[in-house]
Amino acid sequence: MTDPMPKINGTLLKHWLATHNWSVNRLARECTTLGEDTIPEGTLRNALAGRDPIRPGRIHLIAHVTAKYGDGLSYEALTTLDPQRTTP
């Protein structure tokens, strides 16, 4: 059996976006530019809202983009929905 696709910690990523004055569109563009995967803005928006899971490779790409701009978010942090948990 394959692992289910994870949901992203939308609250954490929304905070990162607000702190860096980024839009979801900019994050989607940066991910597409930096990676080998295209992340449509609508897909990212749905993932941030908690409506849809997102492929692990895309979460790693988001982590890579946030690291490129200084204070990166780890894959583990992006997939931990409960702030009391330290592991996904």
PDB file of N, CA and C in Angstrom:
ATOM      1  N   MET A   1       0.842  -1.181   0.000  1.00  0.00           N
ATOM      2  CA  MET A   1       0.000   0.000   0.000  1.00  0.00           C
ATOM      3  C   MET A   1       0.887   1.245   0.000  1.00  0.00           C
ATOM      4  N   THR A   2       0.540   2.232  -0.794  1.00  0.00           N
ATOM      5  CA  THR A   2       1.328   3.454  -0.847  1.00  0.00           C
ATOM      6  C   THR A   2       0.874   4.423   0.235  1.00  0.00           C
ATOM      7  N   ASP A   3       1.805   5.262   0.658  1.00  0.00           N
ATOM      8  CA  ASP A   3       1.468   6.277   1.649  1.00  0.00           C
ATOM      9  C   ASP A   3       0.541   7.306   1.020  1.00  0.00           C
ATOM     10  N   PRO A   4      -0.419   7.799   1.783  1.00  0.00           N
ATOM     11  CA  PRO A   4      -1.290   8.841   1.248  1.00  0.00           C
ATOM     12  C   PRO A   4      -0.507  10.139   1.055  1.00  0.00           C
ATOM     13  N   MET A   5      -0.976  10.949   0.131  1.00  0.00           N
ATOM     14  CA  MET A   5      -0.313  12.237  -0.071  1.00  0.00           C
ATOM     15  C   MET A   5      -0.567  13.106   1.161  1.00  0.00           C
ATOM     16  N   PRO A   6       0.462  13.805   1.614  1.00  0.00           N
ATOM     17  CA  PRO A   6       0.292  14.639   2.810  1.00  0.00           C
ATOM     18  C   PRO A   6      -0.439  15.941   2.504  1.00  0.00           C
ATOM     19  N   LYS A   7      -1.005  16.491   3.542  1.00  0.00           N
ATOM     20  CA  LYS A   7      -1.542  17.848   3.452  1.00  0.00           C
ATOM     21  C   LYS A   7      -0.474  18.780   3.989  1.00  0.00           C
ATOM     22  N   ILE A   8      -0.469  19.976   3.477  1.00  0.00           N
ATOM     23  CA  ILE A   8       0.550  20.943   3.869  1.00  0.00           C
ATOM     24  C   ILE A   8       0.043  21.778   5.043  1.00  0.00           C
ATOM     25  N   ASN A   9       0.954  22.227   5.872  1.00  0.00           N
ATOM     26  CA  ASN A   9       0.608  23.091   6.994  1.00  0.00           C
ATOM     27  C   ASN A   9       0.370  24.493   6.428  1.00  0.00           C
ATOM     28  N   GLY A  10      -0.879  24.741   6.044  1.00  0.00           N
ATOM     29  CA  GLY A  10      -1.239  26.006   5.415  1.00  0.00           C
ATOM     30  C   GLY A  10      -1.013  27.203   6.313  1.00  0.00           C
ATOM     31  N   THR A  11      -1.267  27.045   7.593  1.00  0.00           N
ATOM     32  CA  THR A  11      -1.083  28.158   8.533  1.00  0.00           C
ATOM     33  C   THR A  11       0.382  28.601   8.559  1.00  0.00           C
ATOM     34  N   LEU A  12       1.279  27.635   8.639  1.00  0.00           N
ATOM     35  CA  LEU A  12       2.712  27.945   8.674  1.00  0.00           C
ATOM     36  C   LEU A  12       3.162  28.605   7.376  1.00  0.00           C
ATOM     37  N   LEU A  13       2.747  28.042   6.253  1.00  0.00           N
ATOM     38  CA  LEU A  13       3.181  28.589   4.974  1.00  0.00           C
ATOM     39  C   LEU A  13       2.547  29.954   4.709  1.00  0.00           C
ATOM     40  N   LYS A  14       1.295  30.147   5.095  1.00  0.00           N
ATOM     41  CA  LYS A  14       0.667  31.467   4.947  1.00  0.00           C
ATOM     42  C   LYS A  14       1.416  32.512   5.772  1.00  0.00           C
ATOM     43  N   HIS A  15       1.854  32.122   6.961  1.00  0.00           N
ATOM     44  CA  HIS A  15       2.628  33.041   7.802  1.00  0.00           C
ATOM     45  C   HIS A  15       3.944  33.398   7.105  1.00  0.00           C
ATOM     46  N   TRP A  16       4.618  32.399   6.533  1.00  0.00           N
ATOM     47  CA  TRP A  16       5.873  32.654   5.815  1.00  0.00           C
ATOM     48  C   TRP A  16       5.628  33.613   4.651  1.00  0.00           C
ATOM     49  N   LEU A  17       4.557  33.382   3.900  1.00  0.00           N
ATOM     50  CA  LEU A  17       4.234  34.249   2.770  1.00  0.00           C
ATOM     51  C   LEU A  17       3.989  35.686   3.233  1.00  0.00           C
ATOM     52  N   ALA A  18       3.220  35.844   4.306  1.00  0.00           N
ATOM     53  CA  ALA A  18       2.924  37.185   4.813  1.00  0.00           C
ATOM     54  C   ALA A  18       4.183  37.878   5.328  1.00  0.00           C
ATOM     55  N   THR A  19       5.018  37.137   6.035  1.00  0.00           N
ATOM     56  CA  THR A  19       6.253  37.702   6.576  1.00  0.00           C
ATOM     57  C   THR A  19       7.185  38.190   5.470  1.00  0.00           C
ATOM     58  N   HIS A  20       7.190  37.485   4.353  1.00  0.00           N
ATOM     59  CA  HIS A  20       8.080  37.832   3.240  1.00  0.00           C
ATOM     60  C   HIS A  20       7.376  38.672   2.166  1.00  0.00           C
ATOM     61  N   ASN A  21       6.118  39.037   2.430  1.00  0.00           N
ATOM     62  CA  ASN A  21       5.329  39.840   1.504  1.00  0.00           C
ATOM     63  C   ASN A  21       5.243  39.180   0.126  1.00  0.00           C
ATOM     64  N   TRP A  22       5.015  37.874   0.129  1.00  0.00           N
ATOM     65  CA  TRP A  22       4.882  37.097  -1.095  1.00  0.00           C
ATOM     66  C   TRP A  22       3.426  36.730  -1.303  1.00  0.00           C
ATOM     67  N   SER A  23       3.043  36.563  -2.548  1.00  0.00           N
ATOM     68  CA  SER A  23       1.726  36.043  -2.882  1.00  0.00           C
ATOM     69  C   SER A  23       1.849  34.551  -3.179  1.00  0.00           C
ATOM     70  N   VAL A  24       0.720  33.880  -3.214  1.00  0.00           N
ATOM     71  CA  VAL A  24       0.709  32.471  -3.599  1.00  0.00           C
ATOM     72  C   VAL A  24       1.214  32.352  -5.044  1.00  0.00           C
ATOM     73  N   ASN A  25       0.849  33.316  -5.864  1.00  0.00           N
ATOM     74  CA  ASN A  25       1.297  33.329  -7.252  1.00  0.00           C
ATOM     75  C   ASN A  25       2.830  33.374  -7.333  1.00  0.00           C
ATOM     76  N   ARG A  26       3.459  34.221  -6.528  1.00  0.00           N
ATOM     77  CA  ARG A  26       4.919  34.303  -6.569  1.00  0.00           C
ATOM     78  C   ARG A  26       5.552  32.990  -6.121  1.00  0.00           C
ATOM     79  N   LEU A  27       5.026  32.382  -5.062  1.00  0.00           N
ATOM     80  CA  LEU A  27       5.572  31.113  -4.599  1.00  0.00           C
ATOM     81  C   LEU A  27       5.436  30.055  -5.693  1.00  0.00           C
ATOM     82  N   ALA A  28       4.280  30.013  -6.344  1.00  0.00           N
ATOM     83  CA  ALA A  28       4.072  29.048  -7.431  1.00  0.00           C
ATOM     84  C   ALA A  28       5.070  29.290  -8.563  1.00  0.00           C
ATOM     85  N   ARG A  29       5.282  30.543  -8.921  1.00  0.00           N
ATOM     86  CA  ARG A  29       6.245  30.878  -9.992  1.00  0.00           C
ATOM     87  C   ARG A  29       7.661  30.483  -9.603  1.00  0.00           C
ATOM     88  N   GLU A  30       8.067  30.796  -8.363  1.00  0.00           N
ATOM     89  CA  GLU A  30       9.423  30.462  -7.907  1.00  0.00           C
ATOM     90  C   GLU A  30       9.633  28.951  -7.896  1.00  0.00           C
ATOM     91  N   CYS A  31       8.622  28.215  -7.439  1.00  0.00           N
ATOM     92  CA  CYS A  31       8.722  26.755  -7.422  1.00  0.00           C
ATOM     93  C   CYS A  31       8.876  26.213  -8.839  1.00  0.00           C
ATOM     94  N   THR A  32       8.098  26.747  -9.759  1.00  0.00           N
ATOM     95  CA  THR A  32       8.146  26.302 -11.145  1.00  0.00           C
ATOM     96  C   THR A  32       9.498  26.639 -11.770  1.00  0.00           C
ATOM     97  N   THR A  33      10.031  27.815 -11.463  1.00  0.00           N
ATOM     98  CA  THR A  33      11.322  28.244 -12.004  1.00  0.00           C
ATOM     99  C   THR A  33      12.463  27.406 -11.448  1.00  0.00           C
ATOM    100  N   LEU A  34      12.410  27.112 -10.160  1.00  0.00           N
ATOM    101  CA  LEU A  34      13.503  26.420  -9.491  1.00  0.00           C
ATOM    102  C   LEU A  34      13.471  24.906  -9.684  1.00  0.00           C
ATOM    103  N   GLY A  35      12.296  24.356  -9.844  1.00  0.00           N
ATOM    104  CA  GLY A  35      12.177  22.907  -9.883  1.00  0.00           C
ATOM    105  C   GLY A  35      11.879  22.357 -11.259  1.00  0.00           C
ATOM    106  N   GLU A  36      11.746  21.061 -11.295  1.00  0.00           N
ATOM    107  CA  GLU A  36      11.401  20.385 -12.536  1.00  0.00           C
ATOM    108  C   GLU A  36       9.911  20.093 -12.597  1.00  0.00           C
ATOM    109  N   ASP A  37       9.150  20.660 -11.688  1.00  0.00           N
ATOM    110  CA  ASP A  37       7.714  20.442 -11.614  1.00  0.00           C
ATOM    111  C   ASP A  37       7.018  21.796 -11.688  1.00  0.00           C
ATOM    112  N   THR A  38       5.908  21.836 -12.351  1.00  0.00           N
ATOM    113  CA  THR A  38       5.090  23.037 -12.398  1.00  0.00           C
ATOM    114  C   THR A  38       4.018  22.913 -11.316  1.00  0.00           C
ATOM    115  N   ILE A  39       3.951  23.913 -10.458  1.00  0.00           N
ATOM    116  CA  ILE A  39       2.910  23.927  -9.432  1.00  0.00           C
ATOM    117  C   ILE A  39       1.949  25.054  -9.800  1.00  0.00           C
ATOM    118  N   PRO A  40       0.780  24.716 -10.338  1.00  0.00           N
ATOM    119  CA  PRO A  40      -0.188  25.763 -10.674  1.00  0.00           C
ATOM    120  C   PRO A  40      -0.623  26.525  -9.419  1.00  0.00           C
ATOM    121  N   GLU A  41      -0.885  27.801  -9.583  1.00  0.00           N
ATOM    122  CA  GLU A  41      -1.295  28.634  -8.455  1.00  0.00           C
ATOM    123  C   GLU A  41      -2.543  28.080  -7.785  1.00  0.00           C
ATOM    124  N   GLY A  42      -3.515  27.613  -8.561  1.00  0.00           N
ATOM    125  CA  GLY A  42      -4.751  27.076  -7.992  1.00  0.00           C
ATOM    126  C   GLY A  42      -4.516  25.839  -7.150  1.00  0.00           C
ATOM    127  N   THR A  43      -3.602  24.985  -7.590  1.00  0.00           N
ATOM    128  CA  THR A  43      -3.257  23.786  -6.825  1.00  0.00           C
ATOM    129  C   THR A  43      -2.649  24.178  -5.491  1.00  0.00           C
ATOM    130  N   LEU A  44      -1.745  25.150  -5.526  1.00  0.00           N
ATOM    131  CA  LEU A  44      -1.096  25.615  -4.300  1.00  0.00           C
ATOM    132  C   LEU A  44      -2.111  26.289  -3.380  1.00  0.00           C
ATOM    133  N   ARG A  45      -3.000  27.063  -3.955  1.00  0.00           N
ATOM    134  CA  ARG A  45      -4.032  27.741  -3.162  1.00  0.00           C
ATOM    135  C   ARG A  45      -4.941  26.720  -2.462  1.00  0.00           C
ATOM    136  N   ASN A  46      -5.337  25.667  -3.179  1.00  0.00           N
ATOM    137  CA  ASN A  46      -6.172  24.625  -2.579  1.00  0.00           C
ATOM    138  C   ASN A  46      -5.433  23.875  -1.478  1.00  0.00           C
ATOM    139  N   ALA A  47      -4.147  23.632  -1.683  1.00  0.00           N
ATOM    140  CA  ALA A  47      -3.348  22.947  -0.662  1.00  0.00           C
ATOM    141  C   ALA A  47      -3.222  23.822   0.587  1.00  0.00           C
ATOM    142  N   LEU A  48      -2.999  25.119   0.401  1.00  0.00           N
ATOM    143  CA  LEU A  48      -2.892  26.039   1.538  1.00  0.00           C
ATOM    144  C   LEU A  48      -4.202  26.116   2.324  1.00  0.00           C
ATOM    145  N   ALA A  49      -5.301  26.011   1.631  1.00  0.00           N
ATOM    146  CA  ALA A  49      -6.608  26.077   2.281  1.00  0.00           C
ATOM    147  C   ALA A  49      -6.975  24.768   2.971  1.00  0.00           C
ATOM    148  N   GLY A  50      -6.170  23.733   2.762  1.00  0.00           N
ATOM    149  CA  GLY A  50      -6.438  22.448   3.403  1.00  0.00           C
ATOM    150  C   GLY A  50      -7.436  21.595   2.652  1.00  0.00           C
ATOM    151  N   ARG A  51      -7.820  22.020   1.451  1.00  0.00           N
ATOM    152  CA  ARG A  51      -8.801  21.263   0.673  1.00  0.00           C
ATOM    153  C   ARG A  51      -8.187  20.046   0.002  1.00  0.00           C
ATOM    154  N   ASP A  52      -6.950  20.175  -0.437  1.00  0.00           N
ATOM    155  CA  ASP A  52      -6.317  19.101  -1.205  1.00  0.00           C
ATOM    156  C   ASP A  52      -4.949  18.742  -0.644  1.00  0.00           C
ATOM    157  N   PRO A  53      -4.596  17.471  -0.724  1.00  0.00           N
ATOM    158  CA  PRO A  53      -3.213  17.093  -0.388  1.00  0.00           C
ATOM    159  C   PRO A  53      -2.305  17.529  -1.532  1.00  0.00           C
ATOM    160  N   ILE A  54      -1.021  17.423  -1.309  1.00  0.00           N
ATOM    161  CA  ILE A  54      -0.047  17.838  -2.328  1.00  0.00           C
ATOM    162  C   ILE A  54       1.070  16.799  -2.369  1.00  0.00           C
ATOM    163  N   ARG A  55       1.585  16.537  -3.538  1.00  0.00           N
ATOM    164  CA  ARG A  55       2.619  15.514  -3.687  1.00  0.00           C
ATOM    165  C   ARG A  55       3.853  15.869  -2.855  1.00  0.00           C
ATOM    166  N   PRO A  56       4.474  14.854  -2.240  1.00  0.00           N
ATOM    167  CA  PRO A  56       5.662  15.099  -1.422  1.00  0.00           C
ATOM    168  C   PRO A  56       6.774  15.841  -2.173  1.00  0.00           C
ATOM    169  N   GLY A  57       6.960  15.541  -3.443  1.00  0.00           N
ATOM    170  CA  GLY A  57       7.994  16.233  -4.219  1.00  0.00           C
ATOM    171  C   GLY A  57       7.746  17.721  -4.313  1.00  0.00           C
ATOM    172  N   ARG A  58       6.493  18.094  -4.390  1.00  0.00           N
ATOM    173  CA  ARG A  58       6.158  19.516  -4.433  1.00  0.00           C
ATOM    174  C   ARG A  58       6.406  20.174  -3.078  1.00  0.00           C
ATOM    175  N   ILE A  59       6.168  19.453  -2.005  1.00  0.00           N
ATOM    176  CA  ILE A  59       6.445  20.011  -0.670  1.00  0.00           C
ATOM    177  C   ILE A  59       7.952  20.203  -0.497  1.00  0.00           C
ATOM    178  N   HIS A  60       8.743  19.245  -0.967  1.00  0.00           N
ATOM    179  CA  HIS A  60      10.204  19.405  -0.915  1.00  0.00           C
ATOM    180  C   HIS A  60      10.634  20.630  -1.724  1.00  0.00           C
ATOM    181  N   LEU A  61       9.995  20.845  -2.852  1.00  0.00           N
ATOM    182  CA  LEU A  61      10.312  22.004  -3.684  1.00  0.00           C
ATOM    183  C   LEU A  61       9.966  23.308  -2.967  1.00  0.00           C
ATOM    184  N   ILE A  62       8.824  23.349  -2.308  1.00  0.00           N
ATOM    185  CA  ILE A  62       8.446  24.534  -1.521  1.00  0.00           C
ATOM    186  C   ILE A  62       9.475  24.775  -0.426  1.00  0.00           C
ATOM    187  N   ALA A  63       9.904  23.706   0.242  1.00  0.00           N
ATOM    188  CA  ALA A  63      10.926  23.829   1.286  1.00  0.00           C
ATOM    189  C   ALA A  63      12.217  24.392   0.696  1.00  0.00           C
ATOM    190  N   HIS A  64      12.570  23.939  -0.494  1.00  0.00           N
ATOM    191  CA  HIS A  64      13.786  24.420  -1.156  1.00  0.00           C
ATOM    192  C   HIS A  64      13.679  25.914  -1.493  1.00  0.00           C
ATOM    193  N   VAL A  65      12.526  26.330  -1.994  1.00  0.00           N
ATOM    194  CA  VAL A  65      12.330  27.741  -2.332  1.00  0.00           C
ATOM    195  C   VAL A  65      12.394  28.604  -1.078  1.00  0.00           C
ATOM    196  N   THR A  66      11.755  28.170   0.012  1.00  0.00           N
ATOM    197  CA  THR A  66      11.796  28.982   1.235  1.00  0.00           C
ATOM    198  C   THR A  66      13.216  29.048   1.790  1.00  0.00           C
ATOM    199  N   ALA A  67      13.991  27.994   1.623  1.00  0.00           N
ATOM    200  CA  ALA A  67      15.389  28.004   2.079  1.00  0.00           C
ATOM    201  C   ALA A  67      16.234  28.943   1.225  1.00  0.00           C
ATOM    202  N   LYS A  68      15.940  29.015  -0.048  1.00  0.00           N
ATOM    203  CA  LYS A  68      16.694  29.890  -0.953  1.00  0.00           C
ATOM    204  C   LYS A  68      16.586  31.345  -0.517  1.00  0.00           C
ATOM    205  N   TYR A  69      15.457  31.695   0.080  1.00  0.00           N
ATOM    206  CA  TYR A  69      15.233  33.072   0.482  1.00  0.00           C
ATOM    207  C   TYR A  69      15.446  33.283   1.975  1.00  0.00           C
ATOM    208  N   GLY A  70      16.345  32.518   2.561  1.00  0.00           N
ATOM    209  CA  GLY A  70      16.766  32.764   3.940  1.00  0.00           C
ATOM    210  C   GLY A  70      16.274  31.753   4.942  1.00  0.00           C
ATOM    211  N   ASP A  71      15.184  32.028   5.564  1.00  0.00           N
ATOM    212  CA  ASP A  71      14.678  31.227   6.680  1.00  0.00           C
ATOM    213  C   ASP A  71      13.734  30.140   6.181  1.00  0.00           C
ATOM    214  N   GLY A  72      14.303  29.091   5.681  1.00  0.00           N
ATOM    215  CA  GLY A  72      13.527  28.025   5.064  1.00  0.00           C
ATOM    216  C   GLY A  72      12.653  27.248   6.027  1.00  0.00           C
ATOM    217  N   LEU A  73      11.610  26.681   5.462  1.00  0.00           N
ATOM    218  CA  LEU A  73      10.720  25.790   6.193  1.00  0.00           C
ATOM    219  C   LEU A  73      11.063  24.367   5.791  1.00  0.00           C
ATOM    220  N   SER A  74      11.223  23.487   6.749  1.00  0.00           N
ATOM    221  CA  SER A  74      11.579  22.106   6.444  1.00  0.00           C
ATOM    222  C   SER A  74      10.358  21.332   5.962  1.00  0.00           C
ATOM    223  N   TYR A  75      10.627  20.223   5.278  1.00  0.00           N
ATOM    224  CA  TYR A  75       9.559  19.325   4.836  1.00  0.00           C
ATOM    225  C   TYR A  75       8.739  18.880   6.039  1.00  0.00           C
ATOM    226  N   GLU A  76       9.421  18.542   7.119  1.00  0.00           N
ATOM    227  CA  GLU A  76       8.746  18.069   8.329  1.00  0.00           C
ATOM    228  C   GLU A  76       7.808  19.138   8.889  1.00  0.00           C
ATOM    229  N   ALA A  77       8.280  20.384   8.926  1.00  0.00           N
ATOM    230  CA  ALA A  77       7.435  21.471   9.429  1.00  0.00           C
ATOM    231  C   ALA A  77       6.246  21.708   8.503  1.00  0.00           C
ATOM    232  N   LEU A  78       6.476  21.611   7.204  1.00  0.00           N
ATOM    233  CA  LEU A  78       5.407  21.852   6.243  1.00  0.00           C
ATOM    234  C   LEU A  78       4.345  20.751   6.245  1.00  0.00           C
ATOM    235  N   THR A  79       4.697  19.572   6.735  1.00  0.00           N
ATOM    236  CA  THR A  79       3.724  18.479   6.744  1.00  0.00           C
ATOM    237  C   THR A  79       3.206  18.166   8.141  1.00  0.00           C
ATOM    238  N   THR A  80       3.623  18.909   9.148  1.00  0.00           N
ATOM    239  CA  THR A  80       3.127  18.721  10.508  1.00  0.00           C
ATOM    240  C   THR A  80       1.974  19.670  10.717  1.00  0.00           C
ATOM    241  N   LEU A  81       0.766  19.137  10.820  1.00  0.00           N
ATOM    242  CA  LEU A  81      -0.409  19.964  10.957  1.00  0.00           C
ATOM    243  C   LEU A  81      -0.698  20.346  12.402  1.00  0.00           C
ATOM    244  N   ASP A  82      -0.265  19.522  13.336  1.00  0.00           N
ATOM    245  CA  ASP A  82      -0.496  19.779  14.762  1.00  0.00           C
ATOM    246  C   ASP A  82       0.747  20.457  15.332  1.00  0.00           C
ATOM    247  N   PRO A  83       0.633  21.722  15.780  1.00  0.00           N
ATOM    248  CA  PRO A  83       1.813  22.422  16.284  1.00  0.00           C
ATOM    249  C   PRO A  83       2.462  21.766  17.493  1.00  0.00           C
ATOM    250  N   GLN A  84       1.746  20.882  18.194  1.00  0.00           N
ATOM    251  CA  GLN A  84       2.317  20.209  19.357  1.00  0.00           C
ATOM    252  C   GLN A  84       3.222  19.043  18.945  1.00  0.00           C
ATOM    253  N   ARG A  85       3.070  18.562  17.721  1.00  0.00           N
ATOM    254  CA  ARG A  85       3.868  17.433  17.242  1.00  0.00           C
ATOM    255  C   ARG A  85       5.179  17.936  16.660  1.00  0.00           C
ATOM    256  N   THR A  86       6.220  17.159  16.822  1.00  0.00           N
ATOM    257  CA  THR A  86       7.513  17.526  16.268  1.00  0.00           C
ATOM    258  C   THR A  86       7.866  16.677  15.061  1.00  0.00           C
ATOM    259  N   THR A  87       7.123  15.605  14.851  1.00  0.00           N
ATOM    260  CA  THR A  87       7.342  14.764  13.675  1.00  0.00           C
ATOM    261  C   THR A  87       6.013  14.557  12.971  1.00  0.00           C
ATOM    262  N   PRO A  88       6.045  14.368  11.642  1.00  0.00           N
ATOM    263  CA  PRO A  88       4.788  14.188  10.920  1.00  0.00           C
ATOM    264  C   PRO A  88       4.091  12.898  11.270  1.00  0.00           C
TER     265      PRO A  88
END
